[in-house]
């Protein structure tokens, strides 16, 4: 049985992405993820990415290291890294949902950590809230 982990991180897009740019990004990463056994979920909300990536330990850590140098992101904050027994998104080479700020407010358990003056610290302090948001997103959408 492979050694699986997931990493949950939040980052900021250098520019707000259009639907076309997001589609192009997903068209680029999905085949790579499929080839490397990476599954996960990407939420995008007005320049903010929340992503879960899961797969074999070495693969996910290498991917996360590459993401930190990706010029489309800035201020990457790792919320969670942990061993997992099974994947949460086994069929998704990268599930995706774009949420507006208004849509986000309708999700049960929504918290607006992004309005803090020190966003990086607020994200670190709110790791459980972000994980809860992802779980509720999966349940209610």
N, C-alpha and C. Protein backbone atom coordinates (compact mmCIF):
# COMPACT_ATOMS: atom_id res chain seq x y z
N UNK A 1 0.85 -1.19 0.00
CA UNK A 1 0.00 0.00 0.00
C UNK A 1 0.89 1.24 0.00
N UNK A 2 0.62 2.21 -0.91
CA UNK A 2 1.47 3.40 -0.97
C UNK A 2 1.33 4.27 0.27
N UNK A 3 2.38 5.00 0.55
CA UNK A 3 2.40 5.95 1.65
C UNK A 3 1.76 7.25 1.16
N UNK A 4 0.55 7.54 1.61
CA UNK A 4 -0.21 8.69 1.12
C UNK A 4 -0.20 9.84 2.12
N UNK A 5 -0.16 11.06 1.57
CA UNK A 5 -0.33 12.28 2.37
C UNK A 5 -1.25 13.22 1.61
N UNK A 6 -1.73 14.21 2.33
CA UNK A 6 -2.34 15.35 1.66
C UNK A 6 -1.77 16.62 2.26
N UNK A 7 -1.72 17.64 1.43
CA UNK A 7 -1.32 18.98 1.85
C UNK A 7 -2.46 19.91 1.48
N UNK A 8 -2.83 20.75 2.42
CA UNK A 8 -3.82 21.79 2.18
C UNK A 8 -3.07 23.12 2.29
N UNK A 9 -3.22 23.95 1.27
CA UNK A 9 -2.56 25.25 1.33
C UNK A 9 -3.47 26.33 0.77
N UNK A 10 -3.14 27.55 1.13
CA UNK A 10 -3.82 28.73 0.62
C UNK A 10 -2.77 29.60 -0.04
N UNK A 11 -3.13 30.19 -1.16
CA UNK A 11 -2.22 31.13 -1.82
C UNK A 11 -3.04 32.22 -2.49
N UNK A 12 -2.34 33.22 -2.95
CA UNK A 12 -2.97 34.35 -3.61
C UNK A 12 -2.50 34.40 -5.05
N UNK A 13 -3.44 34.58 -5.96
CA UNK A 13 -3.10 34.73 -7.37
C UNK A 13 -2.46 36.09 -7.57
N UNK A 14 -1.44 36.14 -8.39
CA UNK A 14 -0.81 37.44 -8.66
C UNK A 14 -1.78 38.38 -9.36
N UNK A 15 -2.69 37.81 -10.13
CA UNK A 15 -3.73 38.57 -10.84
C UNK A 15 -5.03 37.81 -10.73
N UNK A 16 -6.14 38.54 -10.74
CA UNK A 16 -7.42 37.84 -10.75
C UNK A 16 -7.55 37.13 -12.09
N UNK A 17 -7.92 35.85 -12.03
CA UNK A 17 -7.97 35.03 -13.23
C UNK A 17 -9.38 35.02 -13.81
N UNK A 18 -9.44 35.09 -15.13
CA UNK A 18 -10.72 34.97 -15.83
C UNK A 18 -11.11 33.50 -15.89
N UNK A 19 -12.35 33.23 -16.27
CA UNK A 19 -12.80 31.85 -16.44
C UNK A 19 -11.94 31.13 -17.47
N UNK A 20 -11.59 31.82 -18.55
CA UNK A 20 -10.76 31.22 -19.59
C UNK A 20 -9.37 30.87 -19.04
N UNK A 21 -8.78 31.77 -18.27
CA UNK A 21 -7.46 31.49 -17.69
C UNK A 21 -7.52 30.33 -16.70
N UNK A 22 -8.59 30.25 -15.93
CA UNK A 22 -8.75 29.13 -15.01
C UNK A 22 -8.92 27.81 -15.77
N UNK A 23 -9.70 27.84 -16.84
CA UNK A 23 -9.87 26.64 -17.67
C UNK A 23 -8.54 26.21 -18.27
N UNK A 24 -7.74 27.17 -18.71
CA UNK A 24 -6.42 26.85 -19.28
C UNK A 24 -5.50 26.25 -18.21
N UNK A 25 -5.55 26.82 -17.02
CA UNK A 25 -4.75 26.29 -15.91
C UNK A 25 -5.14 24.85 -15.63
N UNK A 26 -6.42 24.58 -15.53
CA UNK A 26 -6.89 23.22 -15.24
C UNK A 26 -6.54 22.27 -16.39
N UNK A 27 -6.64 22.73 -17.63
CA UNK A 27 -6.26 21.89 -18.77
C UNK A 27 -4.79 21.53 -18.74
N UNK A 28 -3.99 22.40 -18.17
CA UNK A 28 -2.55 22.16 -18.06
C UNK A 28 -2.23 21.20 -16.91
N UNK A 29 -2.88 21.38 -15.75
CA UNK A 29 -2.48 20.59 -14.58
C UNK A 29 -3.15 19.23 -14.47
N UNK A 30 -4.36 19.10 -14.99
CA UNK A 30 -5.06 17.81 -14.83
C UNK A 30 -4.30 16.64 -15.46
N UNK A 31 -3.80 16.74 -16.70
CA UNK A 31 -3.04 15.60 -17.26
C UNK A 31 -1.77 15.28 -16.46
N UNK A 32 -1.09 16.31 -15.97
CA UNK A 32 0.11 16.10 -15.15
C UNK A 32 -0.26 15.39 -13.86
N UNK A 33 -1.34 15.83 -13.23
CA UNK A 33 -1.77 15.20 -11.99
C UNK A 33 -2.14 13.74 -12.22
N UNK A 34 -2.86 13.49 -13.29
CA UNK A 34 -3.26 12.12 -13.62
C UNK A 34 -2.03 11.23 -13.82
N UNK A 35 -1.05 11.74 -14.56
CA UNK A 35 0.17 10.98 -14.83
C UNK A 35 0.97 10.70 -13.56
N UNK A 36 0.88 11.61 -12.58
CA UNK A 36 1.66 11.48 -11.35
C UNK A 36 0.87 10.93 -10.17
N UNK A 37 -0.38 10.55 -10.40
CA UNK A 37 -1.18 10.00 -9.31
C UNK A 37 -1.58 11.02 -8.27
N UNK A 38 -1.73 12.27 -8.69
CA UNK A 38 -2.12 13.36 -7.78
C UNK A 38 -3.61 13.61 -7.94
N UNK A 39 -4.33 13.65 -6.83
CA UNK A 39 -5.74 14.00 -6.84
C UNK A 39 -5.93 15.18 -5.89
N UNK A 40 -7.11 15.80 -5.95
CA UNK A 40 -7.33 16.91 -5.04
C UNK A 40 -8.48 17.80 -5.43
N UNK A 41 -8.48 18.94 -4.81
CA UNK A 41 -9.55 19.93 -4.97
C UNK A 41 -8.94 21.31 -5.01
N UNK A 42 -9.43 22.15 -5.90
CA UNK A 42 -9.00 23.53 -6.00
C UNK A 42 -10.22 24.43 -5.88
N UNK A 43 -10.20 25.31 -4.90
CA UNK A 43 -11.23 26.34 -4.76
C UNK A 43 -10.59 27.67 -5.11
N UNK A 44 -11.28 28.49 -5.86
CA UNK A 44 -10.76 29.81 -6.24
C UNK A 44 -11.81 30.84 -5.92
N UNK A 45 -11.39 31.88 -5.19
CA UNK A 45 -12.32 32.91 -4.74
C UNK A 45 -11.64 34.26 -4.86
N UNK A 46 -11.92 34.96 -5.96
CA UNK A 46 -11.42 36.33 -6.13
C UNK A 46 -9.95 36.48 -5.74
N UNK A 47 -9.06 35.81 -6.46
CA UNK A 47 -7.61 35.87 -6.28
C UNK A 47 -7.07 34.98 -5.17
N UNK A 48 -7.91 34.21 -4.51
CA UNK A 48 -7.45 33.34 -3.43
C UNK A 48 -7.67 31.89 -3.83
N UNK A 49 -6.61 31.10 -3.73
CA UNK A 49 -6.69 29.67 -3.98
C UNK A 49 -6.68 28.94 -2.65
N UNK A 50 -7.54 27.95 -2.52
CA UNK A 50 -7.45 26.97 -1.43
C UNK A 50 -7.35 25.64 -2.15
N UNK A 51 -6.28 24.90 -1.87
CA UNK A 51 -6.08 23.66 -2.60
C UNK A 51 -5.72 22.52 -1.67
N UNK A 52 -6.26 21.36 -2.01
CA UNK A 52 -5.90 20.10 -1.37
C UNK A 52 -5.23 19.27 -2.45
N UNK A 53 -4.01 18.80 -2.19
CA UNK A 53 -3.34 17.88 -3.09
C UNK A 53 -3.04 16.62 -2.30
N UNK A 54 -3.28 15.47 -2.93
CA UNK A 54 -3.09 14.20 -2.22
C UNK A 54 -2.46 13.19 -3.17
N UNK A 55 -1.67 12.32 -2.56
CA UNK A 55 -1.00 11.28 -3.34
C UNK A 55 0.17 10.72 -2.54
N UNK A 56 1.09 10.06 -3.25
CA UNK A 56 2.25 9.49 -2.58
C UNK A 56 3.13 10.60 -2.01
N UNK A 57 3.70 10.33 -0.86
CA UNK A 57 4.43 11.34 -0.09
C UNK A 57 5.45 12.10 -0.91
N UNK A 58 6.38 11.40 -1.55
CA UNK A 58 7.43 12.09 -2.31
C UNK A 58 6.85 12.94 -3.44
N UNK A 59 5.85 12.41 -4.12
CA UNK A 59 5.22 13.14 -5.22
C UNK A 59 4.58 14.43 -4.73
N UNK A 60 3.84 14.35 -3.64
CA UNK A 60 3.12 15.53 -3.13
C UNK A 60 4.09 16.57 -2.59
N UNK A 61 5.11 16.14 -1.88
CA UNK A 61 6.09 17.11 -1.37
C UNK A 61 6.85 17.79 -2.50
N UNK A 62 7.18 17.04 -3.53
CA UNK A 62 7.87 17.63 -4.70
C UNK A 62 6.95 18.62 -5.40
N UNK A 63 5.68 18.25 -5.57
CA UNK A 63 4.71 19.15 -6.19
C UNK A 63 4.55 20.42 -5.37
N UNK A 64 4.43 20.29 -4.06
CA UNK A 64 4.27 21.47 -3.21
C UNK A 64 5.49 22.39 -3.33
N UNK A 65 6.68 21.81 -3.38
CA UNK A 65 7.89 22.61 -3.54
C UNK A 65 7.84 23.38 -4.87
N UNK A 66 7.38 22.73 -5.93
CA UNK A 66 7.26 23.40 -7.24
C UNK A 66 6.21 24.52 -7.18
N UNK A 67 5.11 24.25 -6.49
CA UNK A 67 4.05 25.26 -6.39
C UNK A 67 4.55 26.53 -5.70
N UNK A 68 5.45 26.38 -4.76
CA UNK A 68 5.98 27.56 -4.06
C UNK A 68 6.77 28.47 -4.99
N UNK A 69 7.26 27.91 -6.10
CA UNK A 69 8.01 28.70 -7.07
C UNK A 69 7.20 29.05 -8.31
N UNK A 70 5.93 28.70 -8.31
CA UNK A 70 5.05 28.99 -9.44
C UNK A 70 4.73 30.47 -9.44
N UNK A 71 5.01 31.15 -10.56
CA UNK A 71 4.83 32.60 -10.59
C UNK A 71 3.37 33.04 -10.64
N UNK A 72 2.44 32.10 -10.70
CA UNK A 72 1.02 32.46 -10.65
C UNK A 72 0.53 32.66 -9.22
N UNK A 73 1.33 32.21 -8.23
CA UNK A 73 0.96 32.27 -6.82
C UNK A 73 1.88 33.24 -6.07
N UNK A 74 1.38 33.72 -4.96
CA UNK A 74 2.21 34.45 -4.01
C UNK A 74 1.68 34.16 -2.61
N UNK A 75 2.52 34.36 -1.61
CA UNK A 75 2.10 34.18 -0.21
C UNK A 75 1.46 32.83 0.06
N UNK A 76 2.13 31.76 -0.34
CA UNK A 76 1.61 30.42 -0.09
C UNK A 76 1.76 30.09 1.39
N UNK A 77 0.67 29.62 1.98
CA UNK A 77 0.68 29.23 3.38
C UNK A 77 0.18 27.79 3.48
N UNK A 78 1.05 26.90 3.97
CA UNK A 78 0.65 25.51 4.18
C UNK A 78 -0.20 25.46 5.44
N UNK A 79 -1.41 24.95 5.29
CA UNK A 79 -2.35 24.84 6.40
C UNK A 79 -2.21 23.50 7.09
N UNK A 80 -1.99 22.47 6.30
CA UNK A 80 -2.01 21.12 6.85
C UNK A 80 -1.19 20.20 5.97
N UNK A 81 -0.41 19.35 6.59
CA UNK A 81 0.25 18.23 5.91
C UNK A 81 0.15 17.05 6.85
N UNK A 82 -0.44 15.96 6.35
CA UNK A 82 -0.57 14.80 7.22
C UNK A 82 -0.70 13.53 6.40
N UNK A 83 -0.34 12.43 7.03
CA UNK A 83 -0.52 11.11 6.42
C UNK A 83 -2.01 10.82 6.34
N UNK A 84 -2.40 10.12 5.28
CA UNK A 84 -3.79 9.72 5.13
C UNK A 84 -3.85 8.23 4.78
N UNK A 85 -4.92 7.59 5.19
CA UNK A 85 -5.12 6.17 4.87
C UNK A 85 -5.73 6.00 3.49
N UNK A 86 -6.55 6.96 3.09
CA UNK A 86 -7.18 6.90 1.77
C UNK A 86 -7.41 8.31 1.26
N UNK A 87 -7.58 8.41 -0.03
CA UNK A 87 -7.79 9.70 -0.67
C UNK A 87 -9.22 10.20 -0.42
N UNK A 88 -9.35 11.51 -0.29
CA UNK A 88 -10.67 12.12 -0.20
C UNK A 88 -11.25 12.39 -1.58
N UNK A 89 -10.38 12.50 -2.59
CA UNK A 89 -10.79 12.85 -3.95
C UNK A 89 -10.22 11.84 -4.95
N UNK A 90 -10.51 10.56 -4.79
CA UNK A 90 -9.85 9.53 -5.60
C UNK A 90 -10.13 9.63 -7.10
N UNK A 91 -11.22 10.24 -7.48
CA UNK A 91 -11.59 10.32 -8.90
C UNK A 91 -11.27 11.68 -9.52
N UNK A 92 -10.72 12.60 -8.73
CA UNK A 92 -10.54 13.96 -9.22
C UNK A 92 -9.06 14.26 -9.45
N UNK A 93 -8.64 14.37 -10.73
CA UNK A 93 -7.27 14.79 -11.00
C UNK A 93 -7.08 16.24 -10.57
N UNK A 94 -8.15 16.96 -10.45
CA UNK A 94 -8.20 18.25 -9.77
C UNK A 94 -9.61 18.77 -9.86
N UNK A 95 -10.41 18.45 -8.84
CA UNK A 95 -11.75 19.00 -8.76
C UNK A 95 -11.63 20.51 -8.61
N UNK A 96 -12.56 21.24 -9.16
CA UNK A 96 -12.43 22.69 -9.15
C UNK A 96 -13.79 23.35 -8.96
N UNK A 97 -13.78 24.44 -8.22
CA UNK A 97 -14.97 25.28 -8.10
C UNK A 97 -14.53 26.71 -7.90
N UNK A 98 -15.09 27.61 -8.68
CA UNK A 98 -14.86 29.04 -8.46
C UNK A 98 -16.00 29.55 -7.62
N UNK A 99 -15.67 30.23 -6.56
CA UNK A 99 -16.67 30.80 -5.65
C UNK A 99 -16.49 32.31 -5.59
N UNK A 100 -17.58 33.03 -5.69
CA UNK A 100 -17.51 34.46 -5.43
C UNK A 100 -17.54 34.66 -3.92
N UNK A 101 -17.22 35.85 -3.49
CA UNK A 101 -17.32 36.13 -2.05
C UNK A 101 -18.74 35.93 -1.55
N UNK A 102 -19.71 36.29 -2.37
CA UNK A 102 -21.10 36.11 -1.98
C UNK A 102 -21.45 34.62 -1.87
N UNK A 103 -20.98 33.80 -2.83
CA UNK A 103 -21.22 32.36 -2.77
C UNK A 103 -20.61 31.76 -1.52
N UNK A 104 -19.40 32.20 -1.19
CA UNK A 104 -18.69 31.65 -0.03
C UNK A 104 -19.47 31.88 1.25
N UNK A 105 -20.08 33.03 1.37
CA UNK A 105 -20.82 33.36 2.59
C UNK A 105 -21.99 32.43 2.83
N UNK A 106 -22.47 31.79 1.77
CA UNK A 106 -23.61 30.88 1.89
C UNK A 106 -23.21 29.48 2.34
N UNK A 107 -21.91 29.17 2.34
CA UNK A 107 -21.47 27.84 2.78
C UNK A 107 -21.54 27.75 4.29
N UNK A 108 -22.11 26.67 4.82
CA UNK A 108 -22.13 26.51 6.28
C UNK A 108 -20.72 26.52 6.83
N UNK A 109 -20.49 27.25 7.88
CA UNK A 109 -19.18 27.30 8.52
C UNK A 109 -18.22 28.30 7.89
N UNK A 110 -18.70 29.12 6.95
CA UNK A 110 -17.84 30.09 6.30
C UNK A 110 -17.21 31.03 7.32
N UNK A 111 -15.94 31.29 7.12
CA UNK A 111 -15.24 32.29 7.93
C UNK A 111 -14.39 33.14 6.99
N UNK A 112 -14.37 34.42 7.18
CA UNK A 112 -13.65 35.32 6.29
C UNK A 112 -12.27 35.65 6.87
N UNK A 113 -11.39 34.67 6.88
CA UNK A 113 -10.05 34.90 7.41
C UNK A 113 -9.25 35.82 6.52
N UNK A 114 -9.68 36.00 5.28
CA UNK A 114 -8.91 36.79 4.34
C UNK A 114 -9.02 38.29 4.59
N UNK A 115 -9.89 38.72 5.49
CA UNK A 115 -10.03 40.14 5.76
C UNK A 115 -9.10 40.62 6.87
N UNK A 116 -8.31 39.74 7.43
CA UNK A 116 -7.39 40.09 8.51
C UNK A 116 -6.27 41.00 8.00
N UNK A 117 -5.72 41.81 8.90
CA UNK A 117 -4.58 42.65 8.55
C UNK A 117 -3.33 41.82 8.30
N UNK A 118 -3.14 40.74 9.05
CA UNK A 118 -2.00 39.84 8.88
C UNK A 118 -2.54 38.51 8.38
N UNK A 119 -2.73 38.43 7.06
CA UNK A 119 -3.40 37.27 6.46
C UNK A 119 -2.63 35.98 6.70
N UNK A 120 -1.31 36.01 6.57
CA UNK A 120 -0.52 34.79 6.75
C UNK A 120 -0.73 34.23 8.16
N UNK A 121 -0.71 35.09 9.15
CA UNK A 121 -0.91 34.62 10.53
C UNK A 121 -2.35 34.16 10.74
N UNK A 122 -3.29 34.89 10.18
CA UNK A 122 -4.70 34.51 10.33
C UNK A 122 -4.94 33.14 9.71
N UNK A 123 -4.31 32.86 8.58
CA UNK A 123 -4.46 31.55 7.94
C UNK A 123 -3.90 30.45 8.81
N UNK A 124 -2.74 30.69 9.38
CA UNK A 124 -2.13 29.68 10.25
C UNK A 124 -3.01 29.42 11.48
N UNK A 125 -3.64 30.46 11.99
CA UNK A 125 -4.49 30.33 13.16
C UNK A 125 -5.84 29.68 12.81
N UNK A 126 -6.18 29.68 11.53
CA UNK A 126 -7.51 29.23 11.11
C UNK A 126 -7.46 27.92 10.34
N UNK A 127 -6.45 27.12 10.55
CA UNK A 127 -6.32 25.89 9.75
C UNK A 127 -7.53 24.98 9.89
N UNK A 128 -8.06 24.83 11.08
CA UNK A 128 -9.22 23.96 11.24
C UNK A 128 -10.44 24.52 10.54
N UNK A 129 -10.61 25.83 10.57
CA UNK A 129 -11.74 26.45 9.88
C UNK A 129 -11.65 26.22 8.38
N UNK A 130 -10.44 26.27 7.84
CA UNK A 130 -10.27 26.04 6.40
C UNK A 130 -10.56 24.58 6.05
N UNK A 131 -10.07 23.67 6.86
CA UNK A 131 -10.37 22.26 6.63
C UNK A 131 -11.87 22.03 6.73
N UNK A 132 -12.52 22.62 7.73
CA UNK A 132 -13.97 22.49 7.87
C UNK A 132 -14.69 23.05 6.66
N UNK A 133 -14.21 24.18 6.12
CA UNK A 133 -14.81 24.77 4.94
C UNK A 133 -14.73 23.80 3.76
N UNK A 134 -13.58 23.16 3.58
CA UNK A 134 -13.42 22.20 2.49
C UNK A 134 -14.36 21.02 2.66
N UNK A 135 -14.45 20.49 3.87
CA UNK A 135 -15.34 19.36 4.14
C UNK A 135 -16.80 19.77 3.86
N UNK A 136 -17.19 20.93 4.32
CA UNK A 136 -18.56 21.39 4.10
C UNK A 136 -18.82 21.68 2.63
N UNK A 137 -17.81 22.20 1.94
CA UNK A 137 -17.95 22.42 0.50
C UNK A 137 -18.25 21.08 -0.19
N UNK A 138 -17.50 20.05 0.17
CA UNK A 138 -17.70 18.73 -0.43
C UNK A 138 -19.11 18.22 -0.13
N UNK A 139 -19.56 18.46 1.07
CA UNK A 139 -20.87 17.92 1.49
C UNK A 139 -22.03 18.66 0.85
N UNK A 140 -21.93 19.97 0.74
CA UNK A 140 -23.08 20.78 0.34
C UNK A 140 -23.07 21.23 -1.11
N UNK A 141 -22.05 20.89 -1.90
CA UNK A 141 -22.05 21.31 -3.30
C UNK A 141 -22.04 20.13 -4.22
